Amino acid sequence: MLPCFFKQLIGFDCIGCGMQRALAFILRGDFYSALQIYPAIYPFLVLVVGVVTQVLRPGEKIARFNIRLAIFTAISMTIFYIYKLTFIF
């Protein structure tokens, strides 16, 4: 796995720490472990699919959906990050 430069410089996890391991779990078919490691991986993957869809089939409906999905993903990543910092440290 690639090291987290933020964690090396600052000393604590960044908002994306765990995403790499969660993706590796998903690729191995271990969806529950991915959820435990990084709960925001699923909204993030749906966002990636939405962005790829928008690139392949541009349209206003898809763009509006992706904006809402990006906001939801950012909020979920922030909530899980705060939860991790609050209850792990």
PDB file of N, CA and C in Angstrom:
ATOM      1  N   MET A   1       0.829  -1.185   0.000  1.00  0.00           N
ATOM      2  CA  MET A   1       0.000   0.000   0.000  1.00  0.00           C
ATOM      3  C   MET A   1       0.879   1.257   0.000  1.00  0.00           C
ATOM      4  N   LEU A   2       0.352   2.282  -0.617  1.00  0.00           N
ATOM      5  CA  LEU A   2       1.064   3.548  -0.631  1.00  0.00           C
ATOM      6  C   LEU A   2       0.953   4.206   0.747  1.00  0.00           C
ATOM      7  N   PRO A   3       2.032   4.804   1.226  1.00  0.00           N
ATOM      8  CA  PRO A   3       1.960   5.463   2.540  1.00  0.00           C
ATOM      9  C   PRO A   3       1.182   6.774   2.447  1.00  0.00           C
ATOM     10  N   CYS A   4       0.575   7.156   3.545  1.00  0.00           N
ATOM     11  CA  CYS A   4      -0.157   8.419   3.624  1.00  0.00           C
ATOM     12  C   CYS A   4       0.840   9.512   4.027  1.00  0.00           C
ATOM     13  N   PHE A   5       1.099  10.436   3.110  1.00  0.00           N
ATOM     14  CA  PHE A   5       2.063  11.493   3.388  1.00  0.00           C
ATOM     15  C   PHE A   5       1.550  12.452   4.457  1.00  0.00           C
ATOM     16  N   PHE A   6       0.245  12.687   4.483  1.00  0.00           N
ATOM     17  CA  PHE A   6      -0.351  13.534   5.518  1.00  0.00           C
ATOM     18  C   PHE A   6      -0.077  12.948   6.897  1.00  0.00           C
ATOM     19  N   LYS A   7      -0.291  11.643   7.019  1.00  0.00           N
ATOM     20  CA  LYS A   7      -0.072  10.994   8.316  1.00  0.00           C
ATOM     21  C   LYS A   7       1.407  11.023   8.699  1.00  0.00           C
ATOM     22  N   GLN A   8       2.285  10.878   7.716  1.00  0.00           N
ATOM     23  CA  GLN A   8       3.716  10.939   8.004  1.00  0.00           C
ATOM     24  C   GLN A   8       4.142  12.332   8.451  1.00  0.00           C
ATOM     25  N   LEU A   9       3.553  13.366   7.849  1.00  0.00           N
ATOM     26  CA  LEU A   9       3.937  14.739   8.192  1.00  0.00           C
ATOM     27  C   LEU A   9       3.272  15.241   9.462  1.00  0.00           C
ATOM     28  N   ILE A  10       1.968  14.998   9.596  1.00  0.00           N
ATOM     29  CA  ILE A  10       1.200  15.567  10.696  1.00  0.00           C
ATOM     30  C   ILE A  10       1.136  14.630  11.897  1.00  0.00           C
ATOM     31  N   GLY A  11       1.044  13.328  11.633  1.00  0.00           N
ATOM     32  CA  GLY A  11       1.024  12.374  12.731  1.00  0.00           C
ATOM     33  C   GLY A  11      -0.321  11.719  13.001  1.00  0.00           C
ATOM     34  N   PHE A  12      -1.378  12.119  12.282  1.00  0.00           N
ATOM     35  CA  PHE A  12      -2.654  11.433  12.437  1.00  0.00           C
ATOM     36  C   PHE A  12      -3.303  11.254  11.065  1.00  0.00           C
ATOM     37  N   ASP A  13      -4.323  10.402  11.023  1.00  0.00           N
ATOM     38  CA  ASP A  13      -4.956  10.022   9.762  1.00  0.00           C
ATOM     39  C   ASP A  13      -5.569  11.207   9.036  1.00  0.00           C
ATOM     40  N   CYS A  14      -5.531  11.126   7.706  1.00  0.00           N
ATOM     41  CA  CYS A  14      -6.221  12.115   6.883  1.00  0.00           C
ATOM     42  C   CYS A  14      -7.639  11.609   6.602  1.00  0.00           C
ATOM     43  N   ILE A  15      -8.414  12.386   5.898  1.00  0.00           N
ATOM     44  CA  ILE A  15      -9.808  12.018   5.637  1.00  0.00           C
ATOM     45  C   ILE A  15      -9.912  10.808   4.701  1.00  0.00           C
ATOM     46  N   GLY A  16      -8.860  10.531   3.947  1.00  0.00           N
ATOM     47  CA  GLY A  16      -8.883   9.401   3.020  1.00  0.00           C
ATOM     48  C   GLY A  16      -8.162   8.169   3.518  1.00  0.00           C
ATOM     49  N   CYS A  17      -7.593   8.224   4.713  1.00  0.00           N
ATOM     50  CA  CYS A  17      -6.869   7.064   5.243  1.00  0.00           C
ATOM     51  C   CYS A  17      -7.824   5.889   5.410  1.00  0.00           C
ATOM     52  N   GLY A  18      -7.458   4.784   4.830  1.00  0.00           N
ATOM     53  CA  GLY A  18      -8.266   3.575   4.879  1.00  0.00           C
ATOM     54  C   GLY A  18      -8.943   3.268   3.557  1.00  0.00           C
ATOM     55  N   MET A  19      -9.005   4.244   2.669  1.00  0.00           N
ATOM     56  CA  MET A  19      -9.681   4.035   1.390  1.00  0.00           C
ATOM     57  C   MET A  19      -8.967   2.982   0.543  1.00  0.00           C
ATOM     58  N   GLN A  20      -7.647   3.009   0.545  1.00  0.00           N
ATOM     59  CA  GLN A  20      -6.876   2.030  -0.220  1.00  0.00           C
ATOM     60  C   GLN A  20      -7.133   0.611   0.266  1.00  0.00           C
ATOM     61  N   ARG A  21      -7.083   0.438   1.567  1.00  0.00           N
ATOM     62  CA  ARG A  21      -7.330  -0.897   2.143  1.00  0.00           C
ATOM     63  C   ARG A  21      -8.760  -1.341   1.897  1.00  0.00           C
ATOM     64  N   ALA A  22      -9.716  -0.424   1.995  1.00  0.00           N
ATOM     65  CA  ALA A  22     -11.120  -0.765   1.737  1.00  0.00           C
ATOM     66  C   ALA A  22     -11.313  -1.196   0.287  1.00  0.00           C
ATOM     67  N   LEU A  23     -10.672  -0.506  -0.631  1.00  0.00           N
ATOM     68  CA  LEU A  23     -10.766  -0.886  -2.039  1.00  0.00           C
ATOM     69  C   LEU A  23     -10.140  -2.257  -2.278  1.00  0.00           C
ATOM     70  N   ALA A  24      -9.033  -2.534  -1.598  1.00  0.00           N
ATOM     71  CA  ALA A  24      -8.409  -3.857  -1.718  1.00  0.00           C
ATOM     72  C   ALA A  24      -9.343  -4.945  -1.191  1.00  0.00           C
ATOM     73  N   PHE A  25     -10.037  -4.672  -0.095  1.00  0.00           N
ATOM     74  CA  PHE A  25     -11.011  -5.636   0.430  1.00  0.00           C
ATOM     75  C   PHE A  25     -12.152  -5.862  -0.562  1.00  0.00           C
ATOM     76  N   ILE A  26     -12.631  -4.801  -1.185  1.00  0.00           N
ATOM     77  CA  ILE A  26     -13.715  -4.928  -2.158  1.00  0.00           C
ATOM     78  C   ILE A  26     -13.264  -5.772  -3.348  1.00  0.00           C
ATOM     79  N   LEU A  27     -12.051  -5.536  -3.814  1.00  0.00           N
ATOM     80  CA  LEU A  27     -11.542  -6.307  -4.951  1.00  0.00           C
ATOM     81  C   LEU A  27     -11.388  -7.785  -4.616  1.00  0.00           C
ATOM     82  N   ARG A  28     -11.184  -8.089  -3.340  1.00  0.00           N
ATOM     83  CA  ARG A  28     -11.106  -9.490  -2.893  1.00  0.00           C
ATOM     84  C   ARG A  28     -12.485 -10.064  -2.567  1.00  0.00           C
ATOM     85  N   GLY A  29     -13.508  -9.221  -2.593  1.00  0.00           N
ATOM     86  CA  GLY A  29     -14.859  -9.681  -2.321  1.00  0.00           C
ATOM     87  C   GLY A  29     -15.259  -9.629  -0.860  1.00  0.00           C
ATOM     88  N   ASP A  30     -14.451  -9.006  -0.029  1.00  0.00           N
ATOM     89  CA  ASP A  30     -14.749  -8.893   1.398  1.00  0.00           C
ATOM     90  C   ASP A  30     -15.389  -7.532   1.666  1.00  0.00           C
ATOM     91  N   PHE A  31     -16.682  -7.433   1.364  1.00  0.00           N
ATOM     92  CA  PHE A  31     -17.387  -6.157   1.423  1.00  0.00           C
ATOM     93  C   PHE A  31     -17.593  -5.673   2.853  1.00  0.00           C
ATOM     94  N   TYR A  32     -17.782  -6.576   3.779  1.00  0.00           N
ATOM     95  CA  TYR A  32     -18.001  -6.176   5.171  1.00  0.00           C
ATOM     96  C   TYR A  32     -16.734  -5.564   5.775  1.00  0.00           C
ATOM     97  N   SER A  33     -15.582  -6.162   5.496  1.00  0.00           N
ATOM     98  CA  SER A  33     -14.322  -5.603   6.011  1.00  0.00           C
ATOM     99  C   SER A  33     -14.071  -4.220   5.420  1.00  0.00           C
ATOM    100  N   ALA A  34     -14.429  -4.036   4.152  1.00  0.00           N
ATOM    101  CA  ALA A  34     -14.279  -2.720   3.526  1.00  0.00           C
ATOM    102  C   ALA A  34     -15.143  -1.692   4.242  1.00  0.00           C
ATOM    103  N   LEU A  35     -16.341  -2.098   4.606  1.00  0.00           N
ATOM    104  CA  LEU A  35     -17.242  -1.202   5.332  1.00  0.00           C
ATOM    105  C   LEU A  35     -16.687  -0.850   6.707  1.00  0.00           C
ATOM    106  N   GLN A  36     -16.074  -1.821   7.364  1.00  0.00           N
ATOM    107  CA  GLN A  36     -15.505  -1.571   8.689  1.00  0.00           C
ATOM    108  C   GLN A  36     -14.287  -0.654   8.617  1.00  0.00           C
ATOM    109  N   ILE A  37     -13.444  -0.854   7.627  1.00  0.00           N
ATOM    110  CA  ILE A  37     -12.214  -0.061   7.494  1.00  0.00           C
ATOM    111  C   ILE A  37     -12.520   1.386   7.108  1.00  0.00           C
ATOM    112  N   TYR A  38     -13.397   1.546   6.094  1.00  0.00           N
ATOM    113  CA  TYR A  38     -13.676   2.887   5.564  1.00  0.00           C
ATOM    114  C   TYR A  38     -15.122   2.935   5.080  1.00  0.00           C
ATOM    115  N   PRO A  39     -16.064   3.290   5.948  1.00  0.00           N
ATOM    116  CA  PRO A  39     -17.493   3.249   5.601  1.00  0.00           C
ATOM    117  C   PRO A  39     -17.879   4.117   4.402  1.00  0.00           C
ATOM    118  N   ALA A  40     -17.134   5.165   4.122  1.00  0.00           N
ATOM    119  CA  ALA A  40     -17.494   6.065   3.019  1.00  0.00           C
ATOM    120  C   ALA A  40     -17.031   5.542   1.665  1.00  0.00           C
ATOM    121  N   ILE A  41     -16.488   4.327   1.618  1.00  0.00           N
ATOM    122  CA  ILE A  41     -16.011   3.790   0.336  1.00  0.00           C
ATOM    123  C   ILE A  41     -17.164   3.576  -0.636  1.00  0.00           C
ATOM    124  N   TYR A  42     -18.314   3.169  -0.139  1.00  0.00           N
ATOM    125  CA  TYR A  42     -19.434   2.875  -1.035  1.00  0.00           C
ATOM    126  C   TYR A  42     -20.026   4.135  -1.675  1.00  0.00           C
ATOM    127  N   PRO A  43     -20.293   5.192  -0.922  1.00  0.00           N
ATOM    128  CA  PRO A  43     -20.734   6.427  -1.600  1.00  0.00           C
ATOM    129  C   PRO A  43     -19.671   6.952  -2.569  1.00  0.00           C
ATOM    130  N   PHE A  44     -18.405   6.796  -2.218  1.00  0.00           N
ATOM    131  CA  PHE A  44     -17.332   7.245  -3.096  1.00  0.00           C
ATOM    132  C   PHE A  44     -17.329   6.458  -4.401  1.00  0.00           C
ATOM    133  N   LEU A  45     -17.499   5.142  -4.339  1.00  0.00           N
ATOM    134  CA  LEU A  45     -17.520   4.323  -5.549  1.00  0.00           C
ATOM    135  C   LEU A  45     -18.737   4.638  -6.421  1.00  0.00           C
ATOM    136  N   VAL A  46     -19.870   4.902  -5.789  1.00  0.00           N
ATOM    137  CA  VAL A  46     -21.063   5.298  -6.557  1.00  0.00           C
ATOM    138  C   VAL A  46     -20.799   6.635  -7.258  1.00  0.00           C
ATOM    139  N   LEU A  47     -20.100   7.542  -6.581  1.00  0.00           N
ATOM    140  CA  LEU A  47     -19.748   8.821  -7.197  1.00  0.00           C
ATOM    141  C   LEU A  47     -18.823   8.614  -8.391  1.00  0.00           C
ATOM    142  N   VAL A  48     -17.858   7.734  -8.268  1.00  0.00           N
ATOM    143  CA  VAL A  48     -16.947   7.446  -9.380  1.00  0.00           C
ATOM    144  C   VAL A  48     -17.733   6.916 -10.581  1.00  0.00           C
ATOM    145  N   VAL A  49     -18.660   6.010 -10.325  1.00  0.00           N
ATOM    146  CA  VAL A  49     -19.499   5.478 -11.412  1.00  0.00           C
ATOM    147  C   VAL A  49     -20.335   6.603 -12.032  1.00  0.00           C
ATOM    148  N   GLY A  50     -20.862   7.492 -11.201  1.00  0.00           N
ATOM    149  CA  GLY A  50     -21.647   8.616 -11.705  1.00  0.00           C
ATOM    150  C   GLY A  50     -20.825   9.557 -12.570  1.00  0.00           C
ATOM    151  N   VAL A  51     -19.602   9.825 -12.167  1.00  0.00           N
ATOM    152  CA  VAL A  51     -18.736  10.719 -12.949  1.00  0.00           C
ATOM    153  C   VAL A  51     -18.362  10.064 -14.279  1.00  0.00           C
ATOM    154  N   VAL A  52     -18.040   8.784 -14.255  1.00  0.00           N
ATOM    155  CA  VAL A  52     -17.724   8.075 -15.502  1.00  0.00           C
ATOM    156  C   VAL A  52     -18.937   8.080 -16.428  1.00  0.00           C
ATOM    157  N   THR A  53     -20.116   7.877 -15.870  1.00  0.00           N
ATOM    158  CA  THR A  53     -21.346   7.926 -16.666  1.00  0.00           C
ATOM    159  C   THR A  53     -21.537   9.302 -17.281  1.00  0.00           C
ATOM    160  N   GLN A  54     -21.252  10.339 -16.523  1.00  0.00           N
ATOM    161  CA  GLN A  54     -21.405  11.696 -17.034  1.00  0.00           C
ATOM    162  C   GLN A  54     -20.418  11.970 -18.158  1.00  0.00           C
ATOM    163  N   VAL A  55     -19.216  11.438 -18.044  1.00  0.00           N
ATOM    164  CA  VAL A  55     -18.226  11.643 -19.104  1.00  0.00           C
ATOM    165  C   VAL A  55     -18.658  10.917 -20.381  1.00  0.00           C
ATOM    166  N   LEU A  56     -19.174   9.707 -20.222  1.00  0.00           N
ATOM    167  CA  LEU A  56     -19.572   8.917 -21.383  1.00  0.00           C
ATOM    168  C   LEU A  56     -20.895   9.381 -21.990  1.00  0.00           C
ATOM    169  N   ARG A  57     -21.829   9.840 -21.170  1.00  0.00           N
ATOM    170  CA  ARG A  57     -23.142  10.285 -21.633  1.00  0.00           C
ATOM    171  C   ARG A  57     -23.488  11.609 -20.959  1.00  0.00           C
ATOM    172  N   PRO A  58     -22.948  12.710 -21.442  1.00  0.00           N
ATOM    173  CA  PRO A  58     -23.206  14.001 -20.810  1.00  0.00           C
ATOM    174  C   PRO A  58     -24.693  14.349 -20.832  1.00  0.00           C
ATOM    175  N   GLY A  59     -25.131  14.903 -19.744  1.00  0.00           N
ATOM    176  CA  GLY A  59     -26.519  15.339 -19.655  1.00  0.00           C
ATOM    177  C   GLY A  59     -26.741  16.113 -18.370  1.00  0.00           C
ATOM    178  N   GLU A  60     -27.750  16.959 -18.397  1.00  0.00           N
ATOM    179  CA  GLU A  60     -27.999  17.813 -17.239  1.00  0.00           C
ATOM    180  C   GLU A  60     -28.519  17.018 -16.041  1.00  0.00           C
ATOM    181  N   LYS A  61     -29.339  16.002 -16.293  1.00  0.00           N
ATOM    182  CA  LYS A  61     -29.855  15.192 -15.188  1.00  0.00           C
ATOM    183  C   LYS A  61     -28.728  14.473 -14.462  1.00  0.00           C
ATOM    184  N   ILE A  62     -27.819  13.901 -15.219  1.00  0.00           N
ATOM    185  CA  ILE A  62     -26.690  13.189 -14.616  1.00  0.00           C
ATOM    186  C   ILE A  62     -25.804  14.165 -13.857  1.00  0.00           C
ATOM    187  N   ALA A  63     -25.590  15.350 -14.403  1.00  0.00           N
ATOM    188  CA  ALA A  63     -24.756  16.361 -13.746  1.00  0.00           C
ATOM    189  C   ALA A  63     -25.368  16.779 -12.412  1.00  0.00           C
ATOM    190  N   ARG A  64     -26.684  17.026 -12.392  1.00  0.00           N
ATOM    191  CA  ARG A  64     -27.339  17.402 -11.135  1.00  0.00           C
ATOM    192  C   ARG A  64     -27.277  16.278 -10.111  1.00  0.00           C
ATOM    193  N   PHE A  65     -27.469  15.045 -10.583  1.00  0.00           N
ATOM    194  CA  PHE A  65     -27.377  13.891  -9.693  1.00  0.00           C
ATOM    195  C   PHE A  65     -25.971  13.776  -9.113  1.00  0.00           C
ATOM    196  N   ASN A  66     -24.959  13.990  -9.942  1.00  0.00           N
ATOM    197  CA  ASN A  66     -23.573  13.886  -9.472  1.00  0.00           C
ATOM    198  C   ASN A  66     -23.228  14.978  -8.468  1.00  0.00           C
ATOM    199  N   ILE A  67     -23.791  16.155  -8.636  1.00  0.00           N
ATOM    200  CA  ILE A  67     -23.548  17.225  -7.660  1.00  0.00           C
ATOM    201  C   ILE A  67     -24.113  16.819  -6.301  1.00  0.00           C
ATOM    202  N   ARG A  68     -25.345  16.320  -6.296  1.00  0.00           N
ATOM    203  CA  ARG A  68     -25.937  15.861  -5.035  1.00  0.00           C
ATOM    204  C   ARG A  68     -25.149  14.706  -4.442  1.00  0.00           C
ATOM    205  N   LEU A  69     -24.736  13.793  -5.295  1.00  0.00           N
ATOM    206  CA  LEU A  69     -23.962  12.648  -4.831  1.00  0.00           C
ATOM    207  C   LEU A  69     -22.604  13.071  -4.280  1.00  0.00           C
ATOM    208  N   ALA A  70     -21.977  14.051  -4.901  1.00  0.00           N
ATOM    209  CA  ALA A  70     -20.688  14.552  -4.401  1.00  0.00           C
ATOM    210  C   ALA A  70     -20.850  15.202  -3.032  1.00  0.00           C
ATOM    211  N   ILE A  71     -21.927  15.942  -2.855  1.00  0.00           N
ATOM    212  CA  ILE A  71     -22.185  16.563  -1.554  1.00  0.00           C
ATOM    213  C   ILE A  71     -22.425  15.491  -0.501  1.00  0.00           C
ATOM    214  N   PHE A  72     -23.243  14.485  -0.833  1.00  0.00           N
ATOM    215  CA  PHE A  72     -23.499  13.382   0.096  1.00  0.00           C
ATOM    216  C   PHE A  72     -22.212  12.637   0.448  1.00  0.00           C
ATOM    217  N   THR A  73     -21.372  12.391  -0.558  1.00  0.00           N
ATOM    218  CA  THR A  73     -20.109  11.687  -0.329  1.00  0.00           C
ATOM    219  C   THR A  73     -19.189  12.504   0.571  1.00  0.00           C
ATOM    220  N   ALA A  74     -19.084  13.791   0.312  1.00  0.00           N
ATOM    221  CA  ALA A  74     -18.224  14.649   1.141  1.00  0.00           C
ATOM    222  C   ALA A  74     -18.727  14.691   2.580  1.00  0.00           C
ATOM    223  N   ILE A  75     -20.033  14.777   2.753  1.00  0.00           N
ATOM    224  CA  ILE A  75     -20.597  14.791   4.110  1.00  0.00           C
ATOM    225  C   ILE A  75     -20.344  13.463   4.809  1.00  0.00           C
ATOM    226  N   SER A  76     -20.554  12.343   4.105  1.00  0.00           N
ATOM    227  CA  SER A  76     -20.335  11.043   4.746  1.00  0.00           C
ATOM    228  C   SER A  76     -18.858  10.832   5.079  1.00  0.00           C
ATOM    229  N   MET A  77     -17.953  11.260   4.200  1.00  0.00           N
ATOM    230  CA  MET A  77     -16.527  11.137   4.500  1.00  0.00           C
ATOM    231  C   MET A  77     -16.169  11.967   5.729  1.00  0.00           C
ATOM    232  N   THR A  78     -16.726  13.166   5.822  1.00  0.00           N
ATOM    233  CA  THR A  78     -16.438  14.038   6.963  1.00  0.00           C
ATOM    234  C   THR A  78     -16.988  13.452   8.260  1.00  0.00           C
ATOM    235  N   ILE A  79     -18.210  12.935   8.210  1.00  0.00           N
ATOM    236  CA  ILE A  79     -18.811  12.346   9.413  1.00  0.00           C
ATOM    237  C   ILE A  79     -18.002  11.154   9.892  1.00  0.00           C
ATOM    238  N   PHE A  80     -17.632  10.267   8.981  1.00  0.00           N
ATOM    239  CA  PHE A  80     -16.866   9.096   9.390  1.00  0.00           C
ATOM    240  C   PHE A  80     -15.459   9.463   9.852  1.00  0.00           C
ATOM    241  N   TYR A  81     -14.893  10.524   9.276  1.00  0.00           N
ATOM    242  CA  TYR A  81     -13.576  10.987   9.711  1.00  0.00           C
ATOM    243  C   TYR A  81     -13.639  11.537  11.140  1.00  0.00           C
ATOM    244  N   ILE A  82     -14.640  12.345  11.405  1.00  0.00           N
ATOM    245  CA  ILE A  82     -14.804  12.889  12.763  1.00  0.00           C
ATOM    246  C   ILE A  82     -15.059  11.750  13.758  1.00  0.00           C
ATOM    247  N   TYR A  83     -15.878  10.809  13.362  1.00  0.00           N
ATOM    248  CA  TYR A  83     -16.147   9.644  14.223  1.00  0.00           C
ATOM    249  C   TYR A  83     -14.856   8.885  14.525  1.00  0.00           C
ATOM    250  N   LYS A  84     -14.038   8.664  13.489  1.00  0.00           N
ATOM    251  CA  LYS A  84     -12.784   7.929  13.682  1.00  0.00           C
ATOM    252  C   LYS A  84     -11.840   8.708  14.608  1.00  0.00           C
ATOM    253  N   LEU A  85     -11.728  10.014  14.404  1.00  0.00           N
ATOM    254  CA  LEU A  85     -10.851  10.804  15.267  1.00  0.00           C
ATOM    255  C   LEU A  85     -11.370  10.859  16.706  1.00  0.00           C
ATOM    256  N   THR A  86     -12.670  10.907  16.870  1.00  0.00           N
ATOM    257  CA  THR A  86     -13.254  11.044  18.196  1.00  0.00           C
ATOM    258  C   THR A  86     -13.162   9.743  19.002  1.00  0.00           C
ATOM    259  N   PHE A  87     -13.463   8.623  18.378  1.00  0.00           N
ATOM    260  CA  PHE A  87     -13.578   7.389  19.125  1.00  0.00           C
ATOM    261  C   PHE A  87     -12.356   6.485  19.061  1.00  0.00           C
ATOM    262  N   ILE A  88     -11.430   6.751  18.175  1.00  0.00           N
ATOM    263  CA  ILE A  88     -10.230   5.919  18.120  1.00  0.00           C
ATOM    264  C   ILE A  88      -9.114   6.529  18.947  1.00  0.00           C
ATOM    265  N   PHE A  89      -9.038   7.857  18.982  1.00  0.00           N
ATOM    266  CA  PHE A  89      -7.945   8.488  19.749  1.00  0.00           C
ATOM    267  C   PHE A  89      -8.339   8.647  21.181  1.00  0.00           C
TER     268      PHE A  89
END
